[in-house]
Amino acid sequence: MRIKLSPIGFIQNRYSRLSKKVHIRAKRSKIVLLPEYAEGLYRIKQDKYLEVIFYFHKSKGYRLVCQTPHWGVRGVFACRSPFRPVPLGLTKVKLISVKNNELVVEGLDAVSGTPVLDIKPYVDWCKRRKEMPNHEKQKRSKKRN
């Protein structure tokens, strides 16, 4: 099966490549949405944290087992390597500001020019049981009966 995705926007920051010496997550980045998606930012300021899904456009190929800087040798699905069979990245970011179709965020580990595929509000389901989807509530109530 083939899946075709198109970006909703792109990352802008000072970095053209990731480096172990630069802590890019500590820096601010801008997510610039394509103008036709700007309306989708309605009320996003209510969210302190967001999840950004992006495409590792500079990654070539993948490795099923890799050496990680923090966790040693791990399988690709047990680490955050950009060299993946489906090169998608997911990062939780702090929302700093919103202006028109531009978001300023902190915590993003993507380089300038990276295509953004989606943005979602971050929800910690462990802390927010009341906001659990209805199907989960139904499963739990059935187990009690």
Protein backbone atom coordinates (compact mmCIF):
# COMPACT_ATOMS: atom_id res chain seq x y z
CA MET A 1 0.00 0.00 0.00
CA ARG A 2 1.23 3.48 -0.83
CA ILE A 3 0.29 6.50 1.26
CA LYS A 4 0.67 10.01 -0.08
CA LEU A 5 1.10 12.89 2.37
CA SER A 6 1.56 16.58 1.72
CA PRO A 7 3.04 19.08 4.18
CA ILE A 8 0.86 21.63 5.95
CA GLY A 9 3.89 23.83 6.57
CA PHE A 10 7.64 23.98 7.17
CA ILE A 11 10.10 24.54 10.02
CA GLN A 12 12.20 27.69 10.14
CA ASN A 13 15.21 27.96 12.45
CA ARG A 14 18.99 28.53 12.34
CA TYR A 15 19.91 24.89 11.78
CA SER A 16 20.52 23.08 8.50
CA ARG A 17 21.58 19.84 10.19
CA LEU A 18 21.44 18.30 13.66
CA SER A 19 24.62 18.21 15.68
CA LYS A 20 25.46 16.49 18.96
CA LYS A 21 27.11 19.74 20.06
CA VAL A 22 24.03 21.91 19.56
CA HIS A 23 21.05 21.42 21.82
CA ILE A 24 18.47 22.37 19.20
CA ARG A 25 15.56 21.49 21.51
CA ALA A 26 16.56 24.34 23.83
CA LYS A 27 16.25 26.83 20.96
CA ARG A 28 13.15 28.38 19.46
CA SER A 29 11.84 27.41 16.06
CA LYS A 30 9.07 28.73 13.90
CA ILE A 31 6.44 26.56 12.23
CA VAL A 32 5.08 28.37 9.19
CA LEU A 33 1.83 26.86 7.95
CA LEU A 34 0.77 27.16 4.35
CA PRO A 35 -1.82 29.97 4.19
CA GLU A 36 -4.70 27.61 3.33
CA TYR A 37 -4.26 25.89 6.73
CA ALA A 38 -4.02 29.02 8.91
CA GLU A 39 -7.66 28.79 10.01
CA GLY A 40 -6.82 25.42 11.59
CA LEU A 41 -4.90 27.32 14.29
CA TYR A 42 -8.16 28.71 15.72
CA ARG A 43 -7.93 28.60 19.56
CA ILE A 44 -4.54 26.83 19.54
CA LYS A 45 -3.29 29.45 22.01
CA GLN A 46 -5.27 27.58 24.67
CA ASP A 47 -2.75 24.75 24.47
CA LYS A 48 0.54 25.10 26.31
CA TYR A 49 2.11 22.09 24.59
CA LEU A 50 1.71 20.63 21.11
CA GLU A 51 2.81 17.50 19.29
CA VAL A 52 4.39 18.13 15.90
CA ILE A 53 4.57 15.35 13.31
CA PHE A 54 7.16 15.95 10.63
CA TYR A 55 9.01 14.22 7.80
CA PHE A 56 12.76 13.51 8.13
CA HIS A 57 13.46 14.91 4.66
CA LYS A 58 17.25 14.67 5.03
CA SER A 59 17.36 11.05 6.22
CA LYS A 60 18.53 8.56 3.64
CA GLY A 61 17.74 4.90 4.23
CA TYR A 62 17.17 3.24 7.57
CA ARG A 63 18.79 0.95 10.09
CA LEU A 64 16.76 -1.61 12.04
CA VAL A 65 19.36 -1.65 14.83
CA CYS A 66 21.27 1.50 15.75
CA GLN A 67 23.67 2.92 18.30
CA THR A 68 21.93 5.68 20.26
CA PRO A 69 23.74 8.45 22.16
CA HIS A 70 21.77 7.87 25.38
CA TRP A 71 20.40 4.30 25.37
CA GLY A 72 23.11 2.20 23.71
CA VAL A 73 22.24 -0.27 20.96
CA ARG A 74 18.50 -0.49 20.27
CA GLY A 75 16.07 -1.40 17.54
CA VAL A 76 14.78 1.51 15.46
CA PHE A 77 11.32 1.19 17.05
CA ALA A 78 12.88 1.43 20.52
CA CYS A 79 14.67 4.72 19.86
CA ARG A 80 14.21 8.12 18.23
CA SER A 81 16.56 7.70 15.27
CA PRO A 82 15.70 9.73 12.14
CA PHE A 83 16.77 6.74 9.99
CA ARG A 84 13.46 4.87 9.96
CA PRO A 85 11.53 2.70 7.46
CA VAL A 86 8.87 5.45 7.46
CA PRO A 87 10.84 8.62 8.27
CA LEU A 88 8.37 10.41 10.52
CA GLY A 89 9.29 12.43 13.58
CA LEU A 90 7.10 13.28 16.56
CA THR A 91 8.10 15.88 19.12
CA LYS A 92 6.33 17.53 22.04
CA VAL A 93 6.93 21.30 21.95
CA LYS A 94 6.05 24.26 24.12
CA LEU A 95 3.94 26.87 22.33
CA ILE A 96 5.47 30.32 22.80
CA SER A 97 3.38 32.48 20.45
CA VAL A 98 1.03 32.48 17.48
CA LYS A 99 0.73 35.13 14.80
CA ASN A 100 -1.35 34.55 11.67
CA ASN A 101 -0.03 31.29 10.17
CA GLU A 102 3.16 31.15 12.27
CA LEU A 103 3.82 29.35 15.54
CA VAL A 104 6.90 29.99 17.65
CA VAL A 105 7.76 26.86 19.64
CA GLU A 106 10.48 25.59 21.93
CA GLY A 107 11.67 21.99 22.06
CA LEU A 108 11.52 21.06 18.39
CA ASP A 109 14.31 18.78 17.15
CA ALA A 110 13.89 19.39 13.42
CA VAL A 111 16.05 21.46 11.08
CA SER A 112 15.04 24.39 8.89
CA GLY A 113 13.04 23.33 5.85
CA THR A 114 11.61 20.22 7.50
CA PRO A 115 8.09 19.51 6.20
CA VAL A 116 5.41 19.53 8.92
CA LEU A 117 2.67 16.93 8.39
CA ASP A 118 0.41 17.61 11.38
CA ILE A 119 0.08 19.48 14.67
CA LYS A 120 -1.99 18.23 17.58
CA PRO A 121 -2.57 19.46 21.12
CA TYR A 122 -0.52 17.46 23.63
CA VAL A 123 -2.70 15.52 26.06
CA ASP A 124 -1.24 13.51 28.93
CA TRP A 125 -3.92 10.82 29.17
CA CYS A 126 -2.49 9.49 32.43
CA LYS A 127 -3.19 12.81 34.12
CA ARG A 128 -6.44 13.60 32.29
CA ARG A 129 -8.65 10.57 32.87
CA LYS A 130 -11.78 12.72 32.53
CA GLU A 131 -10.85 13.46 28.91
CA MET A 132 -10.45 9.80 27.99
CA PRO A 133 -12.26 8.89 24.76
CA ASN A 134 -15.72 7.38 25.30
CA HIS A 135 -14.73 3.95 23.98
CA GLU A 136 -12.09 3.68 26.73
CA LYS A 137 -14.62 4.61 29.40
CA GLN A 138 -16.99 1.96 28.05
CA LYS A 139 -14.28 -0.73 28.17
CA ARG A 140 -13.50 0.11 31.80
CA SER A 141 -17.17 0.08 32.86
CA LYS A 142 -17.73 -3.31 31.17
CA LYS A 143 -14.81 -4.81 33.11
CA ARG A 144 -16.42 -3.75 36.41
CA ASN A 145 -19.71 -5.53 35.61
